[in-house]
Amino acid sequence: MSVVGKYNGVSAYNLRPNAIDTREMNGAYTPSQIVQTDLIYSYDPVSPSSFGGVGTTWSNLKTGADMTLNGGMESSYTQGGYFDLDGVNDYATSSPFDLTSGDFTLGIWFRQNAFTGLQVFYGHWNISGFKGMFVYYNHNLTSLGFRLEDNSGVGRVEFMDNSNYSLNTWYYAAYTWNNTTKAHNGYLYDGNGLVASVLNTRTAVDTSVAMTDVYTFAGGDNNYYFSGDLGECHTYNRELSNTEILRNLNNTKARYGY
């Protein structure tokens, strides 16, 4: 059985159950309790409404920008609720859309298994127009990067040295942008709390105009494939507070062994 729709928050199912759908019906599946206010993109590998364990669609639990799994990424799904990406050709991407203007927060659970190459984790981007925002790894700088480019191609990137984190360990990265204060911040957490942060102000960037023709992607873009495990990913059209980021961390970390 798979979810075919919802009415007033109640799932509707077809007639053939699978293990994940049955978990949702009998209460064994617990939805992610992340902040919902101004959540615009939400991709949850555990949710049967987002990915049911079969097929090649990773659905946004909000509206629009469903992603298509490529390179056999669907076969990398584990019942623990994440994708195990090979760093070769596994990735997910949506059709193009216009990313709303204003403030943003990205959140992503990841477990990297190799410090090699350029690896894109999650975000929204137009590679030809250089606009959008995403989290990635830059092997030349041995750093986790938080990159933002506005609709005019003006942008900045903050780097966090990978000495702050280890391979084969689950982390939650939060990336925030405030277009009024120009605060451009990246945060890295494990299950015990904040591991590292990079805080800056970028006055030249202006996201008061929507970024046009961007794609949502996870696990790779323009052949920059992520090597490791990818869990829940989400985007807000405002800057979350530290309290809200910690709520997202604490309400999801049990899935990742914390």
Protein backbone atom coordinates (compact mmCIF):
# COMPACT_ATOMS: atom_id res chain seq x y z
CA MET A 1 0.00 0.00 0.00
CA SER A 2 1.25 3.53 -0.74
CA VAL A 3 0.00 6.96 0.16
CA VAL A 4 -1.99 8.51 -2.67
CA GLY A 5 -3.12 11.70 -0.94
CA LYS A 6 -4.14 13.37 2.27
CA TYR A 7 -7.40 14.94 3.41
CA ASN A 8 -7.34 17.16 6.50
CA GLY A 9 -4.01 15.65 7.43
CA VAL A 10 -5.22 12.02 7.14
CA SER A 11 -3.43 9.76 4.67
CA ALA A 12 -5.32 7.95 1.91
CA TYR A 13 -3.91 4.63 0.68
CA ASN A 14 -4.20 2.31 -2.26
CA LEU A 15 -4.96 -1.36 -1.70
CA ARG A 16 -1.55 -2.98 -1.56
CA PRO A 17 0.42 -2.39 1.65
CA ASN A 18 4.17 -2.36 1.91
CA ALA A 19 6.14 -2.45 5.16
CA ILE A 20 6.73 1.28 5.39
CA ASP A 21 3.09 2.22 4.73
CA THR A 22 1.89 -0.30 7.30
CA ARG A 23 4.17 1.29 9.88
CA GLU A 24 2.48 4.63 9.30
CA MET A 25 -1.00 3.14 9.68
CA ASN A 26 -0.30 1.20 12.86
CA GLY A 27 1.61 4.01 14.53
CA ALA A 28 5.10 2.49 14.36
CA TYR A 29 6.16 5.29 12.01
CA THR A 30 6.59 8.65 13.74
CA PRO A 31 6.59 11.74 11.49
CA SER A 32 9.48 14.14 11.84
CA GLN A 33 8.61 16.83 14.39
CA ILE A 34 10.50 19.66 12.77
CA VAL A 35 9.35 23.28 12.82
CA GLN A 36 6.50 23.69 10.34
CA THR A 37 6.11 27.49 10.16
CA ASP A 38 7.44 28.79 6.80
CA LEU A 39 8.67 25.31 5.82
CA ILE A 40 8.56 25.28 2.01
CA TYR A 41 10.57 22.20 1.01
CA SER A 42 10.65 19.04 3.13
CA TYR A 43 12.20 15.76 1.95
CA ASP A 44 11.99 12.97 4.52
CA PRO A 45 13.26 9.51 3.50
CA VAL A 46 11.46 7.96 6.48
CA SER A 47 8.04 9.29 5.50
CA PRO A 48 5.96 7.08 3.19
CA SER A 49 4.44 10.28 1.84
CA SER A 50 7.88 11.48 0.75
CA PHE A 51 9.55 8.22 -0.32
CA GLY A 52 7.82 4.89 0.01
CA GLY A 53 10.88 2.71 -0.54
CA VAL A 54 10.11 2.07 -4.22
CA GLY A 55 10.06 4.16 -7.37
CA THR A 56 12.20 7.12 -8.37
CA THR A 57 10.31 10.07 -6.84
CA TRP A 58 11.37 11.80 -3.63
CA SER A 59 8.39 14.01 -2.87
CA ASN A 60 8.33 17.37 -1.18
CA LEU A 61 5.97 17.08 1.79
CA LYS A 62 4.90 20.66 1.13
CA THR A 63 4.11 21.87 -2.42
CA GLY A 64 6.09 21.47 -5.64
CA ALA A 65 9.73 20.65 -6.42
CA ASP A 66 9.46 16.86 -6.11
CA MET A 67 12.82 15.30 -6.90
CA THR A 68 13.61 12.45 -9.30
CA LEU A 69 16.20 9.91 -8.14
CA ASN A 70 18.98 9.20 -10.64
CA GLY A 71 21.85 6.76 -11.02
CA GLY A 72 19.98 4.00 -9.22
CA MET A 73 19.75 6.13 -6.07
CA GLU A 74 16.44 4.46 -5.17
CA SER A 75 18.23 1.14 -4.68
CA SER A 76 20.50 2.76 -2.09
CA TYR A 77 17.58 3.42 0.27
CA THR A 78 17.80 1.70 3.65
CA GLN A 79 14.96 0.86 5.99
CA GLY A 80 16.71 3.05 8.55
CA GLY A 81 15.38 5.97 6.54
CA TYR A 82 18.26 7.37 4.51
CA PHE A 83 19.99 7.03 1.14
CA ASP A 84 23.51 5.57 0.88
CA LEU A 85 25.04 7.48 -2.07
CA ASP A 86 28.00 6.05 -3.96
CA GLY A 87 29.75 9.31 -4.90
CA VAL A 88 29.74 8.22 -8.55
CA ASN A 89 26.34 8.95 -10.09
CA ASP A 90 23.68 8.87 -7.36
CA TYR A 91 21.74 12.12 -7.01
CA ALA A 92 18.24 13.60 -6.95
CA THR A 93 16.95 16.71 -8.70
CA SER A 94 13.70 18.54 -9.41
CA SER A 95 12.35 20.47 -12.38
CA PRO A 96 13.27 24.19 -12.43
CA PHE A 97 11.26 26.71 -10.42
CA ASP A 98 11.62 30.21 -8.97
CA LEU A 99 12.95 30.24 -5.41
CA THR A 100 11.10 32.77 -3.27
CA SER A 101 12.82 35.98 -2.23
CA GLY A 102 13.85 36.99 1.28
CA ASP A 103 15.39 34.96 4.10
CA PHE A 104 16.24 31.25 4.15
CA THR A 105 17.27 28.29 6.28
CA LEU A 106 18.52 24.96 4.95
CA GLY A 107 18.75 21.87 7.16
CA ILE A 108 20.26 18.51 6.31
CA TRP A 109 21.31 15.29 8.05
CA PHE A 110 24.40 13.71 6.45
CA ARG A 111 27.14 11.16 7.07
CA GLN A 112 30.09 11.69 4.73
CA ASN A 113 32.41 8.76 4.03
CA ALA A 114 35.18 10.35 1.92
CA PHE A 115 36.95 13.73 1.93
CA THR A 116 37.48 13.73 -1.84
CA GLY A 117 36.41 15.95 -4.71
CA LEU A 118 33.68 18.57 -4.76
CA GLN A 119 30.57 17.07 -3.16
CA VAL A 120 27.18 18.81 -3.21
CA PHE A 121 24.95 17.78 -0.29
CA TYR A 122 21.64 19.67 -0.62
CA GLY A 123 20.24 22.96 -1.83
CA HIS A 124 18.64 24.94 -4.64
CA TRP A 125 20.80 26.06 -7.55
CA ASN A 126 21.06 27.13 -11.19
CA ILE A 127 24.52 26.08 -12.37
CA SER A 128 24.46 28.15 -15.57
CA GLY A 129 23.15 31.31 -13.89
CA PHE A 130 25.06 30.92 -10.61
CA LYS A 131 22.16 31.63 -8.28
CA GLY A 132 20.70 29.82 -5.30
CA MET A 133 22.09 28.38 -2.09
CA PHE A 134 23.48 25.02 -1.05
CA VAL A 135 25.72 23.06 1.32
CA TYR A 136 28.74 21.28 -0.16
CA TYR A 137 32.27 19.97 0.47
CA ASN A 138 35.34 21.50 -1.19
CA HIS A 139 38.30 19.12 -1.21
CA ASN A 140 40.76 21.87 -2.24
CA LEU A 141 40.04 23.68 1.02
CA THR A 142 39.18 20.52 3.01
CA SER A 143 36.10 22.38 4.14
CA LEU A 144 32.34 22.26 4.40
CA GLY A 145 30.94 25.16 2.39
CA PHE A 146 27.75 27.24 2.69
CA ARG A 147 27.22 29.07 -0.60
CA LEU A 148 24.70 31.75 -1.59
CA GLU A 149 24.31 33.58 -4.91
CA ASP A 150 21.52 36.09 -5.51
CA ASN A 151 19.56 36.49 -8.76
CA SER A 152 22.23 38.84 -10.10
CA GLY A 153 25.00 36.32 -9.51
CA VAL A 154 26.45 38.21 -6.54
CA GLY A 155 27.34 35.73 -3.83
CA ARG A 156 29.49 34.56 -0.99
CA VAL A 157 30.57 31.30 0.57
CA GLU A 158 31.54 30.52 4.16
CA PHE A 159 33.88 27.61 4.87
CA MET A 160 34.15 25.39 7.93
CA ASP A 161 37.34 23.33 8.10
CA ASN A 162 36.70 19.58 8.15
CA SER A 163 38.89 19.22 11.23
CA ASN A 164 35.63 20.11 12.99
CA TYR A 165 34.00 16.87 11.97
CA SER A 166 34.78 13.24 11.18
CA LEU A 167 33.94 10.80 8.45
CA ASN A 168 31.30 8.13 9.02
CA THR A 169 29.49 10.15 11.68
CA TRP A 170 26.00 11.63 11.43
CA TYR A 171 25.77 15.43 11.56
CA TYR A 172 23.03 17.99 11.15
CA ALA A 173 24.00 21.11 9.18
CA ALA A 174 21.89 24.27 9.35
CA TYR A 175 22.52 27.17 6.97
CA THR A 176 20.77 30.52 7.51
CA TRP A 177 20.53 33.79 5.59
CA ASN A 178 18.86 37.02 6.72
CA ASN A 179 18.51 39.52 3.88
CA THR A 180 17.85 42.43 6.26
CA THR A 181 20.77 42.00 8.66
CA LYS A 182 22.90 40.26 5.99
CA ALA A 183 23.78 37.54 8.52
CA HIS A 184 25.18 34.55 6.58
CA ASN A 185 25.73 31.67 8.98
CA GLY A 186 26.52 27.97 8.95
CA TYR A 187 26.13 25.59 11.90
CA LEU A 188 27.19 21.99 12.40
CA TYR A 189 25.72 19.73 15.10
CA ASP A 190 26.05 16.17 16.25
CA GLY A 191 23.57 14.55 18.60
CA ASN A 192 25.13 16.27 21.62
CA GLY A 193 24.84 19.82 20.30
CA LEU A 194 26.86 22.41 18.39
CA VAL A 195 30.17 21.18 16.98
CA ALA A 196 31.22 24.26 15.01
CA SER A 197 29.84 27.39 13.37
CA VAL A 198 30.89 30.01 10.86
CA LEU A 199 29.21 33.42 11.22
CA ASN A 200 29.59 36.31 8.80
CA THR A 201 27.90 39.39 7.31
CA ARG A 202 27.61 39.71 3.52
CA THR A 203 26.31 43.16 2.61
CA ALA A 204 26.69 42.81 -1.17
CA VAL A 205 24.18 39.95 -1.48
CA ASP A 206 20.52 40.86 -2.04
CA THR A 207 17.79 38.20 -2.20
CA SER A 208 14.87 40.64 -2.31
CA VAL A 209 14.32 39.37 -5.87
CA ALA A 210 13.38 35.70 -6.33
CA MET A 211 16.09 33.46 -7.78
CA THR A 212 14.71 32.19 -11.08
CA ASP A 213 14.97 28.77 -12.73
CA VAL A 214 16.70 27.00 -9.87
CA TYR A 215 16.56 23.27 -9.12
CA THR A 216 16.29 21.45 -5.83
CA PHE A 217 18.96 18.77 -5.66
CA ALA A 218 20.36 16.31 -3.16
CA GLY A 219 23.54 14.27 -3.40
CA GLY A 220 25.02 15.95 -6.44
CA ASP A 221 24.89 18.67 -9.06
CA ASN A 222 26.95 19.07 -12.26
CA ASN A 223 28.73 15.77 -11.47
CA TYR A 224 29.73 16.89 -7.96
CA TYR A 225 28.42 13.76 -6.27
CA PHE A 226 28.11 13.25 -2.53
CA SER A 227 29.76 10.17 -1.04
CA GLY A 228 27.97 8.95 2.05
CA ASP A 229 24.53 8.79 3.64
CA LEU A 230 21.84 11.41 3.19
CA GLY A 231 18.90 11.79 5.55
CA GLU A 232 16.18 14.38 6.00
CA CYS A 233 16.53 17.68 4.09
CA HIS A 234 14.41 20.81 4.45
CA THR A 235 14.20 24.51 3.51
CA TYR A 236 12.42 27.48 5.11
CA ASN A 237 11.74 30.90 3.65
CA ARG A 238 12.94 32.65 6.80
CA GLU A 239 15.90 32.57 9.16
CA LEU A 240 15.22 30.08 11.95
CA SER A 241 16.23 31.03 15.47
CA ASN A 242 18.85 29.00 17.33
CA THR A 243 16.03 27.59 19.47
CA GLU A 244 14.18 26.39 16.38
CA ILE A 245 17.30 24.85 14.87
CA LEU A 246 17.89 22.96 18.11
CA ARG A 247 14.28 21.77 18.05
CA ASN A 248 14.83 20.32 14.58
CA LEU A 249 18.04 18.67 15.77
CA ASN A 250 16.60 17.20 18.95
CA ASN A 251 13.37 15.98 17.36
CA THR A 252 15.14 14.06 14.58
CA LYS A 253 18.45 12.88 16.06
CA ALA A 254 17.08 9.57 17.38
CA ARG A 255 16.75 8.41 13.78
CA TYR A 256 20.50 8.75 13.39
CA GLY A 257 21.58 6.86 16.48
CA TYR A 258 21.63 9.68 19.05
